[in-house]
PDB file of N, CA and C in Angstrom:
ATOM      1  N   MET A   1     -72.481 112.682 -13.568  1.00  0.00           N
ATOM      2  CA  MET A   1     -71.657 112.075 -12.528  1.00  0.00           C
ATOM      3  C   MET A   1     -71.878 112.851 -11.220  1.00  0.00           C
ATOM      4  N   SER A   2     -72.097 112.112 -10.129  1.00  0.00           N
ATOM      5  CA  SER A   2     -72.334 112.759  -8.837  1.00  0.00           C
ATOM      6  C   SER A   2     -71.040 113.376  -8.304  1.00  0.00           C
ATOM      7  N   LEU A   3     -71.187 114.270  -7.335  1.00  0.00           N
ATOM      8  CA  LEU A   3     -70.023 114.901  -6.710  1.00  0.00           C
ATOM      9  C   LEU A   3     -69.144 113.850  -6.051  1.00  0.00           C
ATOM     10  N   GLN A   4     -69.764 112.872  -5.396  1.00  0.00           N
ATOM     11  CA  GLN A   4     -68.996 111.810  -4.737  1.00  0.00           C
ATOM     12  C   GLN A   4     -68.175 111.023  -5.763  1.00  0.00           C
ATOM     13  N   GLN A   5     -68.762 110.694  -6.898  1.00  0.00           N
ATOM     14  CA  GLN A   5     -68.030 109.979  -7.941  1.00  0.00           C
ATOM     15  C   GLN A   5     -66.868 110.818  -8.466  1.00  0.00           C
ATOM     16  N   GLN A   6     -67.086 112.121  -8.609  1.00  0.00           N
ATOM     17  CA  GLN A   6     -66.017 113.004  -9.073  1.00  0.00           C
ATOM     18  C   GLN A   6     -64.874 113.035  -8.065  1.00  0.00           C
ATOM     19  N   LEU A   7     -65.216 113.116  -6.769  1.00  0.00           N
ATOM     20  CA  LEU A   7     -64.186 113.147  -5.742  1.00  0.00           C
ATOM     21  C   LEU A   7     -63.413 111.837  -5.707  1.00  0.00           C
ATOM     22  N   LEU A   8     -64.115 110.714  -5.820  1.00  0.00           N
ATOM     23  CA  LEU A   8     -63.428 109.423  -5.819  1.00  0.00           C
ATOM     24  C   LEU A   8     -62.514 109.291  -7.032  1.00  0.00           C
ATOM     25  N   LYS A   9     -62.951 109.820  -8.157  1.00  0.00           N
ATOM     26  CA  LYS A   9     -62.148 109.747  -9.370  1.00  0.00           C
ATOM     27  C   LYS A   9     -60.861 110.561  -9.240  1.00  0.00           C
ATOM     28  N   GLN A  10     -60.884 111.624  -8.437  1.00  0.00           N
ATOM     29  CA  GLN A  10     -59.728 112.492  -8.280  1.00  0.00           C
ATOM     30  C   GLN A  10     -58.720 111.933  -7.283  1.00  0.00           C
ATOM     31  N   GLU A  11     -59.115 110.956  -6.482  1.00  0.00           N
ATOM     32  CA  GLU A  11     -58.221 110.368  -5.481  1.00  0.00           C
ATOM     33  C   GLU A  11     -57.032 109.722  -6.195  1.00  0.00           C
ATOM     34  N   PRO A  12     -55.819 110.060  -5.803  1.00  0.00           N
ATOM     35  CA  PRO A  12     -54.652 109.453  -6.465  1.00  0.00           C
ATOM     36  C   PRO A  12     -54.538 107.969  -6.122  1.00  0.00           C
ATOM     37  N   THR A  13     -53.890 107.233  -6.978  1.00  0.00           N
ATOM     38  CA  THR A  13     -53.654 105.818  -6.708  1.00  0.00           C
ATOM     39  C   THR A  13     -52.561 105.687  -5.654  1.00  0.00           C
ATOM     40  N   VAL A  14     -52.451 104.505  -5.081  1.00  0.00           N
ATOM     41  CA  VAL A  14     -51.386 104.228  -4.112  1.00  0.00           C
ATOM     42  C   VAL A  14     -50.027 104.466  -4.771  1.00  0.00           C
ATOM     43  N   SER A  15     -49.888 104.066  -6.009  1.00  0.00           N
ATOM     44  CA  SER A  15     -48.634 104.275  -6.744  1.00  0.00           C
ATOM     45  C   SER A  15     -48.305 105.757  -6.872  1.00  0.00           C
ATOM     46  N   GLN A  16     -49.312 106.553  -7.200  1.00  0.00           N
ATOM     47  CA  GLN A  16     -49.091 107.997  -7.328  1.00  0.00           C
ATOM     48  C   GLN A  16     -48.704 108.613  -5.987  1.00  0.00           C
ATOM     49  N   ILE A  17     -49.335 108.141  -4.908  1.00  0.00           N
ATOM     50  CA  ILE A  17     -48.995 108.638  -3.573  1.00  0.00           C
ATOM     51  C   ILE A  17     -47.532 108.326  -3.257  1.00  0.00           C
ATOM     52  N   LEU A  18     -47.103 107.092  -3.530  1.00  0.00           N
ATOM     53  CA  LEU A  18     -45.708 106.715  -3.257  1.00  0.00           C
ATOM     54  C   LEU A  18     -44.736 107.547  -4.082  1.00  0.00           C
ATOM     55  N   ARG A  19     -45.073 107.762  -5.349  1.00  0.00           N
ATOM     56  CA  ARG A  19     -44.165 108.521  -6.223  1.00  0.00           C
ATOM     57  C   ARG A  19     -44.060 109.987  -5.804  1.00  0.00           C
ATOM     58  N   THR A  20     -45.179 110.603  -5.488  1.00  0.00           N
ATOM     59  CA  THR A  20     -45.145 112.031  -5.191  1.00  0.00           C
ATOM     60  C   THR A  20     -44.792 112.316  -3.735  1.00  0.00           C
ATOM     61  N   CYS A  21     -45.486 111.688  -2.816  1.00  0.00           N
ATOM     62  CA  CYS A  21     -45.238 111.954  -1.389  1.00  0.00           C
ATOM     63  C   CYS A  21     -43.933 111.325  -0.915  1.00  0.00           C
ATOM     64  N   GLY A  22     -43.522 110.250  -1.550  1.00  0.00           N
ATOM     65  CA  GLY A  22     -42.278 109.588  -1.162  1.00  0.00           C
ATOM     66  C   GLY A  22     -41.062 110.482  -1.303  1.00  0.00           C
ATOM     67  N   LYS A  23     -41.138 111.459  -2.179  1.00  0.00           N
ATOM     68  CA  LYS A  23     -40.014 112.387  -2.392  1.00  0.00           C
ATOM     69  C   LYS A  23     -39.747 113.264  -1.169  1.00  0.00           C
ATOM     70  N   GLN A  24     -40.745 113.380  -0.289  1.00  0.00           N
ATOM     71  CA  GLN A  24     -40.606 114.228   0.903  1.00  0.00           C
ATOM     72  C   GLN A  24     -39.866 113.532   2.040  1.00  0.00           C
ATOM     73  N   PHE A  25     -39.655 112.216   1.913  1.00  0.00           N
ATOM     74  CA  PHE A  25     -39.133 111.430   3.028  1.00  0.00           C
ATOM     75  C   PHE A  25     -37.930 110.594   2.623  1.00  0.00           C
ATOM     76  N   SER A  26     -37.104 110.290   3.616  1.00  0.00           N
ATOM     77  CA  SER A  26     -36.070 109.285   3.389  1.00  0.00           C
ATOM     78  C   SER A  26     -36.694 107.934   3.733  1.00  0.00           C
ATOM     79  N   GLN A  27     -36.310 106.913   3.010  1.00  0.00           N
ATOM     80  CA  GLN A  27     -36.927 105.604   3.191  1.00  0.00           C
ATOM     81  C   GLN A  27     -36.265 104.842   4.334  1.00  0.00           C
ATOM     82  N   ILE A  28     -37.106 104.256   5.187  1.00  0.00           N
ATOM     83  CA  ILE A  28     -36.626 103.450   6.305  1.00  0.00           C
ATOM     84  C   ILE A  28     -37.284 102.082   6.241  1.00  0.00           C
ATOM     85  N   ILE A  29     -36.785 101.153   7.051  1.00  0.00           N
ATOM     86  CA  ILE A  29     -37.389  99.826   7.123  1.00  0.00           C
ATOM     87  C   ILE A  29     -37.736  99.511   8.582  1.00  0.00           C
ATOM     88  N   GLY A  30     -38.658  98.572   8.753  1.00  0.00           N
ATOM     89  CA  GLY A  30     -38.955  98.055  10.078  1.00  0.00           C
ATOM     90  C   GLY A  30     -39.957  98.826  10.908  1.00  0.00           C
ATOM     91  N   ARG A  31     -40.315 100.008  10.509  1.00  0.00           N
ATOM     92  CA  ARG A  31     -41.331 100.789  11.221  1.00  0.00           C
ATOM     93  C   ARG A  31     -41.892 101.843  10.279  1.00  0.00           C
ATOM     94  N   TYR A  32     -43.038 102.396  10.652  1.00  0.00           N
ATOM     95  CA  TYR A  32     -43.709 103.364   9.790  1.00  0.00           C
ATOM     96  C   TYR A  32     -42.948 104.673   9.682  1.00  0.00           C
ATOM     97  N   SER A  33     -42.350 105.115  10.786  1.00  0.00           N
ATOM     98  CA  SER A  33     -41.693 106.416  10.822  1.00  0.00           C
ATOM     99  C   SER A  33     -40.539 106.396  11.817  1.00  0.00           C
ATOM    100  N   ASP A  34     -39.567 107.256  11.573  1.00  0.00           N
ATOM    101  CA  ASP A  34     -38.495 107.424  12.551  1.00  0.00           C
ATOM    102  C   ASP A  34     -38.756 108.642  13.436  1.00  0.00           C
ATOM    103  N   GLY A  35     -39.947 109.230  13.316  1.00  0.00           N
ATOM    104  CA  GLY A  35     -40.303 110.394  14.114  1.00  0.00           C
ATOM    105  C   GLY A  35     -39.833 111.702  13.513  1.00  0.00           C
ATOM    106  N   GLN A  36     -39.153 111.612  12.387  1.00  0.00           N
ATOM    107  CA  GLN A  36     -38.666 112.821  11.718  1.00  0.00           C
ATOM    108  C   GLN A  36     -39.055 112.754  10.247  1.00  0.00           C
ATOM    109  N   ASP A  37     -38.085 112.651   9.346  1.00  0.00           N
ATOM    110  CA  ASP A  37     -38.428 112.641   7.926  1.00  0.00           C
ATOM    111  C   ASP A  37     -38.266 111.261   7.284  1.00  0.00           C
ATOM    112  N   GLY A  38     -38.123 110.233   8.075  1.00  0.00           N
ATOM    113  CA  GLY A  38     -38.011 108.873   7.554  1.00  0.00           C
ATOM    114  C   GLY A  38     -39.349 108.162   7.597  1.00  0.00           C
ATOM    115  N   ARG A  39     -39.692 107.484   6.514  1.00  0.00           N
ATOM    116  CA  ARG A  39     -40.935 106.720   6.439  1.00  0.00           C
ATOM    117  C   ARG A  39     -40.685 105.439   5.641  1.00  0.00           C
ATOM    118  N   CYS A  40     -41.439 104.394   5.992  1.00  0.00           N
ATOM    119  CA  CYS A  40     -41.520 103.226   5.128  1.00  0.00           C
ATOM    120  C   CYS A  40     -42.628 103.509   4.113  1.00  0.00           C
ATOM    121  N   ALA A  41     -42.863 102.585   3.189  1.00  0.00           N
ATOM    122  CA  ALA A  41     -43.883 102.814   2.160  1.00  0.00           C
ATOM    123  C   ALA A  41     -45.265 103.028   2.778  1.00  0.00           C
ATOM    124  N   LEU A  42     -45.635 102.209   3.769  1.00  0.00           N
ATOM    125  CA  LEU A  42     -46.934 102.427   4.412  1.00  0.00           C
ATOM    126  C   LEU A  42     -46.961 103.756   5.154  1.00  0.00           C
ATOM    127  N   GLY A  43     -45.855 104.129   5.755  1.00  0.00           N
ATOM    128  CA  GLY A  43     -45.765 105.411   6.447  1.00  0.00           C
ATOM    129  C   GLY A  43     -45.961 106.584   5.500  1.00  0.00           C
ATOM    130  N   VAL A  44     -45.459 106.467   4.286  1.00  0.00           N
ATOM    131  CA  VAL A  44     -45.662 107.514   3.274  1.00  0.00           C
ATOM    132  C   VAL A  44     -47.151 107.648   2.964  1.00  0.00           C
ATOM    133  N   ILE A  45     -47.809 106.505   2.787  1.00  0.00           N
ATOM    134  CA  ILE A  45     -49.246 106.534   2.478  1.00  0.00           C
ATOM    135  C   ILE A  45     -50.028 107.104   3.664  1.00  0.00           C
ATOM    136  N   MET A  46     -49.642 106.705   4.873  1.00  0.00           N
ATOM    137  CA  MET A  46     -50.291 107.250   6.072  1.00  0.00           C
ATOM    138  C   MET A  46     -50.101 108.761   6.138  1.00  0.00           C
ATOM    139  N   SER A  47     -48.921 109.229   5.787  1.00  0.00           N
ATOM    140  CA  SER A  47     -48.650 110.670   5.802  1.00  0.00           C
ATOM    141  C   SER A  47     -49.512 111.400   4.781  1.00  0.00           C
ATOM    142  N   TYR A  48     -49.759 110.764   3.643  1.00  0.00           N
ATOM    143  CA  TYR A  48     -50.665 111.351   2.652  1.00  0.00           C
ATOM    144  C   TYR A  48     -52.035 111.600   3.285  1.00  0.00           C
ATOM    145  N   TYR A  49     -52.472 110.682   4.137  1.00  0.00           N
ATOM    146  CA  TYR A  49     -53.769 110.821   4.796  1.00  0.00           C
ATOM    147  C   TYR A  49     -53.699 111.700   6.043  1.00  0.00           C
ATOM    148  N   GLY A  50     -52.567 112.362   6.279  1.00  0.00           N
ATOM    149  CA  GLY A  50     -52.485 113.378   7.311  1.00  0.00           C
ATOM    150  C   GLY A  50     -51.677 113.033   8.550  1.00  0.00           C
ATOM    151  N   TRP A  51     -51.048 111.868   8.578  1.00  0.00           N
ATOM    152  CA  TRP A  51     -50.267 111.492   9.751  1.00  0.00           C
ATOM    153  C   TRP A  51     -48.968 112.276   9.781  1.00  0.00           C
ATOM    154  N   ASP A  52     -48.581 112.749  10.964  1.00  0.00           N
ATOM    155  CA  ASP A  52     -47.368 113.550  11.098  1.00  0.00           C
ATOM    156  C   ASP A  52     -46.118 112.719  11.370  1.00  0.00           C
ATOM    157  N   GLY A  53     -46.264 111.411  11.487  1.00  0.00           N
ATOM    158  CA  GLY A  53     -45.111 110.547  11.721  1.00  0.00           C
ATOM    159  C   GLY A  53     -44.748 110.399  13.181  1.00  0.00           C
ATOM    160  N   VAL A  54     -45.451 111.093  14.068  1.00  0.00           N
ATOM    161  CA  VAL A  54     -45.123 111.064  15.486  1.00  0.00           C
ATOM    162  C   VAL A  54     -46.327 110.657  16.338  1.00  0.00           C
ATOM    163  N   ASP A  55     -47.461 111.288  16.120  1.00  0.00           N
ATOM    164  CA  ASP A  55     -48.648 111.112  16.947  1.00  0.00           C
ATOM    165  C   ASP A  55     -49.144 109.669  16.906  1.00  0.00           C
ATOM    166  N   LYS A  56     -48.973 108.965  18.016  1.00  0.00           N
ATOM    167  CA  LYS A  56     -49.337 107.550  18.064  1.00  0.00           C
ATOM    168  C   LYS A  56     -50.844 107.329  18.042  1.00  0.00           C
ATOM    169  N   ILE A  57     -51.608 108.214  18.646  1.00  0.00           N
ATOM    170  CA  ILE A  57     -53.069 108.077  18.627  1.00  0.00           C
ATOM    171  C   ILE A  57     -53.585 108.277  17.207  1.00  0.00           C
ATOM    172  N   ASP A  58     -53.082 109.286  16.543  1.00  0.00           N
ATOM    173  CA  ASP A  58     -53.482 109.595  15.172  1.00  0.00           C
ATOM    174  C   ASP A  58     -53.020 108.514  14.196  1.00  0.00           C
ATOM    175  N   ALA A  59     -51.960 107.822  14.529  1.00  0.00           N
ATOM    176  CA  ALA A  59     -51.417 106.803  13.625  1.00  0.00           C
ATOM    177  C   ALA A  59     -52.436 105.709  13.334  1.00  0.00           C
ATOM    178  N   GLY A  60     -53.187 105.304  14.321  1.00  0.00           N
ATOM    179  CA  GLY A  60     -54.190 104.255  14.119  1.00  0.00           C
ATOM    180  C   GLY A  60     -55.238 104.655  13.103  1.00  0.00           C
ATOM    181  N   LYS A  61     -55.691 105.891  13.174  1.00  0.00           N
ATOM    182  CA  LYS A  61     -56.686 106.392  12.218  1.00  0.00           C
ATOM    183  C   LYS A  61     -56.100 106.440  10.811  1.00  0.00           C
ATOM    184  N   LYS A  62     -54.881 106.914  10.714  1.00  0.00           N
ATOM    185  CA  LYS A  62     -54.254 107.046   9.401  1.00  0.00           C
ATOM    186  C   LYS A  62     -53.895 105.680   8.819  1.00  0.00           C
ATOM    187  N   LEU A  63     -53.532 104.739   9.689  1.00  0.00           N
ATOM    188  CA  LEU A  63     -53.273 103.376   9.216  1.00  0.00           C
ATOM    189  C   LEU A  63     -54.569 102.773   8.682  1.00  0.00           C
ATOM    190  N   SER A  64     -55.664 103.019   9.356  1.00  0.00           N
ATOM    191  CA  SER A  64     -56.958 102.512   8.901  1.00  0.00           C
ATOM    192  C   SER A  64     -57.298 103.061   7.515  1.00  0.00           C
ATOM    193  N   ALA A  65     -57.089 104.351   7.304  1.00  0.00           N
ATOM    194  CA  ALA A  65     -57.345 104.955   5.992  1.00  0.00           C
ATOM    195  C   ALA A  65     -56.428 104.356   4.933  1.00  0.00           C
ATOM    196  N   THR A  66     -55.181 104.104   5.316  1.00  0.00           N
ATOM    197  CA  THR A  66     -54.209 103.508   4.392  1.00  0.00           C
ATOM    198  C   THR A  66     -54.634 102.088   4.010  1.00  0.00           C
ATOM    199  N   LEU A  67     -55.019 101.297   4.999  1.00  0.00           N
ATOM    200  CA  LEU A  67     -55.446  99.923   4.722  1.00  0.00           C
ATOM    201  C   LEU A  67     -56.714  99.902   3.879  1.00  0.00           C
ATOM    202  N   ASP A  68     -57.623 100.846   4.121  1.00  0.00           N
ATOM    203  CA  ASP A  68     -58.823 100.954   3.286  1.00  0.00           C
ATOM    204  C   ASP A  68     -58.446 101.239   1.837  1.00  0.00           C
ATOM    205  N   ALA A  69     -57.491 102.151   1.634  1.00  0.00           N
ATOM    206  CA  ALA A  69     -57.053 102.486   0.275  1.00  0.00           C
ATOM    207  C   ALA A  69     -56.427 101.271  -0.407  1.00  0.00           C
ATOM    208  N   LEU A  70     -55.623 100.522   0.338  1.00  0.00           N
ATOM    209  CA  LEU A  70     -55.004  99.322  -0.232  1.00  0.00           C
ATOM    210  C   LEU A  70     -56.063  98.269  -0.545  1.00  0.00           C
ATOM    211  N   ASP A  71     -56.994  98.055   0.393  1.00  0.00           N
ATOM    212  CA  ASP A  71     -58.063  97.077   0.174  1.00  0.00           C
ATOM    213  C   ASP A  71     -58.909  97.450  -1.039  1.00  0.00           C
ATOM    214  N   HIS A  72     -59.197  98.740  -1.171  1.00  0.00           N
ATOM    215  CA  HIS A  72     -60.025  99.219  -2.280  1.00  0.00           C
ATOM    216  C   HIS A  72     -59.394  98.889  -3.633  1.00  0.00           C
ATOM    217  N   THR A  73     -58.077  98.884  -3.682  1.00  0.00           N
ATOM    218  CA  THR A  73     -57.391  98.600  -4.940  1.00  0.00           C
ATOM    219  C   THR A  73     -56.911  97.155  -5.036  1.00  0.00           C
ATOM    220  N   GLY A  74     -57.145  96.364  -3.977  1.00  0.00           N
ATOM    221  CA  GLY A  74     -56.748  94.964  -4.006  1.00  0.00           C
ATOM    222  C   GLY A  74     -55.274  94.722  -3.753  1.00  0.00           C
ATOM    223  N   ILE A  75     -54.609  95.675  -3.148  1.00  0.00           N
ATOM    224  CA  ILE A  75     -53.173  95.546  -2.868  1.00  0.00           C
ATOM    225  C   ILE A  75     -52.988  95.003  -1.454  1.00  0.00           C
ATOM    226  N   ASP A  76     -52.183  93.970  -1.330  1.00  0.00           N
ATOM    227  CA  ASP A  76     -51.907  93.345  -0.043  1.00  0.00           C
ATOM    228  C   ASP A  76     -50.877  94.181   0.717  1.00  0.00           C
ATOM    229  N   LYS A  77     -51.243  94.628   1.918  1.00  0.00           N
ATOM    230  CA  LYS A  77     -50.329  95.463   2.705  1.00  0.00           C
ATOM    231  C   LYS A  77     -49.033  94.734   3.007  1.00  0.00           C
ATOM    232  N   ASN A  78     -49.100  93.419   3.183  1.00  0.00           N
ATOM    233  CA  ASN A  78     -47.890  92.649   3.479  1.00  0.00           C
ATOM    234  C   ASN A  78     -46.916  92.673   2.317  1.00  0.00           C
ATOM    235  N   LEU A  79     -47.429  92.718   1.101  1.00  0.00           N
ATOM    236  CA  LEU A  79     -46.571  92.833  -0.077  1.00  0.00           C
ATOM    237  C   LEU A  79     -45.827  94.169  -0.056  1.00  0.00           C
ATOM    238  N   VAL A  80     -46.544  95.238   0.250  1.00  0.00           N
ATOM    239  CA  VAL A  80     -45.926  96.571   0.301  1.00  0.00           C
ATOM    240  C   VAL A  80     -44.855  96.605   1.392  1.00  0.00           C
ATOM    241  N   ILE A  81     -45.175  96.047   2.558  1.00  0.00           N
ATOM    242  CA  ILE A  81     -44.220  96.007   3.666  1.00  0.00           C
ATOM    243  C   ILE A  81     -42.978  95.210   3.277  1.00  0.00           C
ATOM    244  N   GLU A  82     -43.189  94.040   2.700  1.00  0.00           N
ATOM    245  CA  GLU A  82     -42.054  93.186   2.321  1.00  0.00           C
ATOM    246  C   GLU A  82     -41.171  93.850   1.272  1.00  0.00           C
ATOM    247  N   MET A  83     -41.801  94.448   0.253  1.00  0.00           N
ATOM    248  CA  MET A  83     -41.013  95.111  -0.792  1.00  0.00           C
ATOM    249  C   MET A  83     -40.192  96.244  -0.194  1.00  0.00           C
ATOM    250  N   ASN A  84     -40.800  97.014   0.697  1.00  0.00           N
ATOM    251  CA  ASN A  84     -40.083  98.109   1.342  1.00  0.00           C
ATOM    252  C   ASN A  84     -38.896  97.570   2.138  1.00  0.00           C
ATOM    253  N   ASP A  85     -39.158  96.554   2.956  1.00  0.00           N
ATOM    254  CA  ASP A  85     -38.140  96.082   3.889  1.00  0.00           C
ATOM    255  C   ASP A  85     -37.010  95.283   3.238  1.00  0.00           C
ATOM    256  N   ILE A  86     -37.214  94.808   1.998  1.00  0.00           N
ATOM    257  CA  ILE A  86     -36.091  94.146   1.309  1.00  0.00           C
ATOM    258  C   ILE A  86     -35.317  95.123   0.426  1.00  0.00           C
ATOM    259  N   GLY A  87     -35.767  96.400   0.409  1.00  0.00           N
ATOM    260  CA  GLY A  87     -34.954  97.410  -0.258  1.00  0.00           C
ATOM    261  C   GLY A  87     -35.491  98.004  -1.534  1.00  0.00           C
ATOM    262  N   PHE A  88     -36.728  97.667  -1.927  1.00  0.00           N
ATOM    263  CA  PHE A  88     -37.299  98.318  -3.105  1.00  0.00           C
ATOM    264  C   PHE A  88     -37.532  99.796  -2.789  1.00  0.00           C
ATOM    265  N   SER A  89     -37.161 100.675  -3.694  1.00  0.00           N
ATOM    266  CA  SER A  89     -37.417 102.114  -3.508  1.00  0.00           C
ATOM    267  C   SER A  89     -38.913 102.379  -3.631  1.00  0.00           C
ATOM    268  N   PHE A  90     -39.345 103.544  -3.188  1.00  0.00           N
ATOM    269  CA  PHE A  90     -40.749 103.909  -3.331  1.00  0.00           C
ATOM    270  C   PHE A  90     -41.176 103.856  -4.799  1.00  0.00           C
ATOM    271  N   ASP A  91     -40.308 104.335  -5.691  1.00  0.00           N
ATOM    272  CA  ASP A  91     -40.634 104.316  -7.125  1.00  0.00           C
ATOM    273  C   ASP A  91     -40.761 102.893  -7.654  1.00  0.00           C
ATOM    274  N   LYS A  92     -39.884 101.991  -7.207  1.00  0.00           N
ATOM    275  CA  LYS A  92     -39.949 100.600  -7.667  1.00  0.00           C
ATOM    276  C   LYS A  92     -41.202  99.900  -7.138  1.00  0.00           C
ATOM    277  N   ILE A  93     -41.563 100.200  -5.895  1.00  0.00           N
ATOM    278  CA  ILE A  93     -42.798  99.640  -5.342  1.00  0.00           C
ATOM    279  C   ILE A  93     -43.988 100.143  -6.157  1.00  0.00           C
ATOM    280  N   ALA A  94     -44.008 101.437  -6.448  1.00  0.00           N
ATOM    281  CA  ALA A  94     -45.086 102.026  -7.235  1.00  0.00           C
ATOM    282  C   ALA A  94     -45.161 101.399  -8.619  1.00  0.00           C
ATOM    283  N   GLU A  95     -44.007 101.212  -9.225  1.00  0.00           N
ATOM    284  CA  GLU A  95     -43.950 100.596 -10.555  1.00  0.00           C
ATOM    285  C   GLU A  95     -44.556  99.192 -10.527  1.00  0.00           C
ATOM    286  N   TYR A  96     -44.188  98.405  -9.529  1.00  0.00           N
ATOM    287  CA  TYR A  96     -44.721  97.048  -9.403  1.00  0.00           C
ATOM    288  C   TYR A  96     -46.230  97.076  -9.151  1.00  0.00           C
ATOM    289  N   LEU A  97     -46.691  97.975  -8.305  1.00  0.00           N
ATOM    290  CA  LEU A  97     -48.131  98.070  -8.013  1.00  0.00           C
ATOM    291  C   LEU A  97     -48.906  98.447  -9.259  1.00  0.00           C
ATOM    292  N   ASP A  98     -48.337  99.300 -10.104  1.00  0.00           N
ATOM    293  CA  ASP A  98     -48.982  99.647 -11.364  1.00  0.00           C
ATOM    294  C   ASP A  98     -49.152  98.404 -12.245  1.00  0.00           C
ATOM    295  N   ILE A  99     -48.134  97.562 -12.264  1.00  0.00           N
ATOM    296  CA  ILE A  99     -48.185  96.352 -13.094  1.00  0.00           C
ATOM    297  C   ILE A  99     -49.250  95.392 -12.607  1.00  0.00           C
ATOM    298  N   ILE A 100     -49.302  95.150 -11.291  1.00  0.00           N
ATOM    299  CA  ILE A 100     -50.261  94.170 -10.781  1.00  0.00           C
ATOM    300  C   ILE A 100     -51.685  94.713 -10.711  1.00  0.00           C
ATOM    301  N   SER A 101     -51.840  96.043 -10.806  1.00  0.00           N
ATOM    302  CA  SER A 101     -53.172  96.644 -10.728  1.00  0.00           C
ATOM    303  C   SER A 101     -53.870  96.681 -12.075  1.00  0.00           C
ATOM    304  N   LYS A 102     -53.176  96.331 -13.131  1.00  0.00           N
ATOM    305  CA  LYS A 102     -53.765  96.399 -14.480  1.00  0.00           C
ATOM    306  C   LYS A 102     -54.639  95.217 -14.751  1.00  0.00           C
TER     307      LYS A 102
END
């Protein structure tokens, strides 16, 4: 197995990112970040890729990485946004993504 394949294999799933990184933030709706410790589900994933929740220039790059990760796994970003904004917890979103990813 090549080094690149090993690195890709070690990348956590979107569900794992939500479960682990989501614990660092309070959940919000309607925007990626509140500029402090609040994040929506996409904001949590963006933070995993290095976004600080404030830097607007950096946000575009981190959103791109987040959308690439979702596209790679076949997860619709609008589904994640909708689930977050109607009140699903990060764990519940992760649980649902695990089910549809099988």
